Protein backbone atom coordinates (compact mmCIF):
# COMPACT_ATOMS: atom_id res chain seq x y z
CA MET A 1 -5.88 7.25 -16.34
CA SER A 2 -2.82 6.27 -14.36
CA THR A 3 -1.88 2.64 -13.88
CA ILE A 4 -2.06 0.72 -10.64
CA LYS A 5 1.37 0.06 -9.13
CA LYS A 6 2.68 -1.70 -6.04
CA ARG A 7 1.92 0.20 -2.82
CA SER A 8 -0.85 2.18 -4.58
CA TYR A 9 -4.09 2.75 -2.73
CA VAL A 10 -7.09 1.37 -4.57
CA MET A 11 -10.85 1.28 -4.09
CA VAL A 12 -12.61 -2.08 -4.39
CA ILE A 13 -15.61 -1.45 -6.64
CA ARG A 14 -17.03 -4.99 -6.93
CA GLY A 15 -17.17 -8.10 -4.79
CA GLN A 16 -17.46 -8.81 -1.10
CA ASP A 17 -15.18 -5.94 -0.05
CA ARG A 18 -16.91 -3.32 -2.23
CA GLY A 19 -16.36 0.21 -0.95
CA ASP A 20 -13.16 -0.58 0.95
CA VAL A 21 -9.80 1.06 0.37
CA ALA A 22 -6.85 -1.30 0.06
CA GLN A 23 -3.18 -1.19 -0.78
CA VAL A 24 -1.60 -3.19 -3.61
CA ILE A 25 1.00 -5.71 -2.48
CA ASP A 26 1.74 -7.45 -5.77
CA TYR A 27 0.23 -8.30 -9.15
CA LEU A 28 0.61 -10.66 -12.06
CA HIS A 29 2.90 -9.60 -14.89
CA ASP A 30 -0.09 -8.73 -17.10
CA LYS A 31 -1.92 -6.97 -14.23
CA SER A 32 -4.96 -9.19 -14.61
CA ALA A 33 -4.99 -10.01 -10.88
CA PHE A 34 -3.81 -8.04 -7.86
CA ALA A 35 -2.94 -9.06 -4.31
CA ILE A 36 -4.29 -6.36 -2.00
CA ILE A 37 -4.37 -5.76 1.74
CA LEU A 38 -7.55 -4.18 3.07
CA ASN A 39 -7.06 -1.08 5.21
CA ASN A 40 -9.88 -1.78 7.64
CA ASN A 41 -8.79 -5.23 8.85
CA GLY A 42 -5.50 -6.22 7.20
CA TYR A 43 -6.95 -9.16 5.28
CA ILE A 44 -5.13 -10.09 2.10
CA ARG A 45 -7.23 -10.76 -0.98
CA VAL A 46 -6.49 -11.61 -4.59
CA VAL A 47 -8.88 -9.81 -6.95
CA SER A 48 -9.12 -9.25 -10.68
CA SER A 49 -8.23 -5.88 -12.13
CA ASP A 50 -11.82 -5.10 -13.15
CA LYS A 51 -12.79 -4.95 -9.47
CA LEU A 52 -10.35 -2.14 -8.64
CA ARG A 53 -9.75 1.52 -9.37
CA ILE A 54 -7.31 4.04 -7.94
CA ALA A 55 -8.64 5.64 -4.75
CA THR A 56 -9.16 9.40 -4.55
CA LYS A 57 -7.55 11.57 -1.86
CA ASP A 58 -10.85 11.86 0.00
CA GLU A 59 -11.39 8.10 -0.03
CA LYS A 60 -7.90 7.53 1.35
CA LYS A 61 -8.41 10.17 4.04
CA ASN A 62 -11.81 8.80 5.12
CA ASP A 63 -10.68 5.16 5.24
CA LYS A 64 -7.53 5.25 7.32
CA LYS A 65 -5.34 2.18 7.72
CA ARG A 66 -6.27 0.25 10.88
CA HIS A 67 -3.69 -2.52 10.82
CA ASN A 68 0.07 -2.81 10.98
CA ARG A 69 0.77 -5.82 8.78
CA GLU A 70 3.72 -5.89 6.43
CA LEU A 71 3.09 -5.33 2.74
CA GLN A 72 4.33 -8.67 1.56
CA LEU A 73 2.91 -12.05 0.68
CA ASP A 74 3.92 -15.23 2.43
CA GLN A 75 4.95 -18.30 0.45
CA TYR A 76 1.43 -19.75 0.17
CA GLN A 77 -0.18 -16.48 -0.86
CA ARG A 78 2.48 -15.93 -3.53
CA GLU A 79 1.95 -19.48 -4.87
CA TYR A 80 -1.78 -18.83 -5.10
CA LEU A 81 -1.27 -15.57 -6.99
CA ASN A 82 1.22 -17.16 -9.40
CA LYS A 83 -1.08 -20.13 -9.96
CA LEU A 84 -3.65 -17.75 -11.47
CA ARG A 85 -1.32 -17.24 -14.45
CA TYR A 86 -1.96 -20.74 -15.70
CA ASP A 87 -5.70 -21.04 -15.01
């Protein structure tokens, strides 16, 4: 199984956004949590690694990106992601 990297497309398999394709923006150094941007609405979420898997070609094709947000976190989102290291 290949590892999840920045800018990879992933499928959310658990949680409130289950079944959505998203793109990885950033992750913690141990890859225990990922910051993702959902393709359908551009919302940014921080989710644990057990809620994600790499999306297949068909999943990426069927769930096209419908937003034009930049793939970067703002200061507050980055602080939230980094705070998870110490919790």
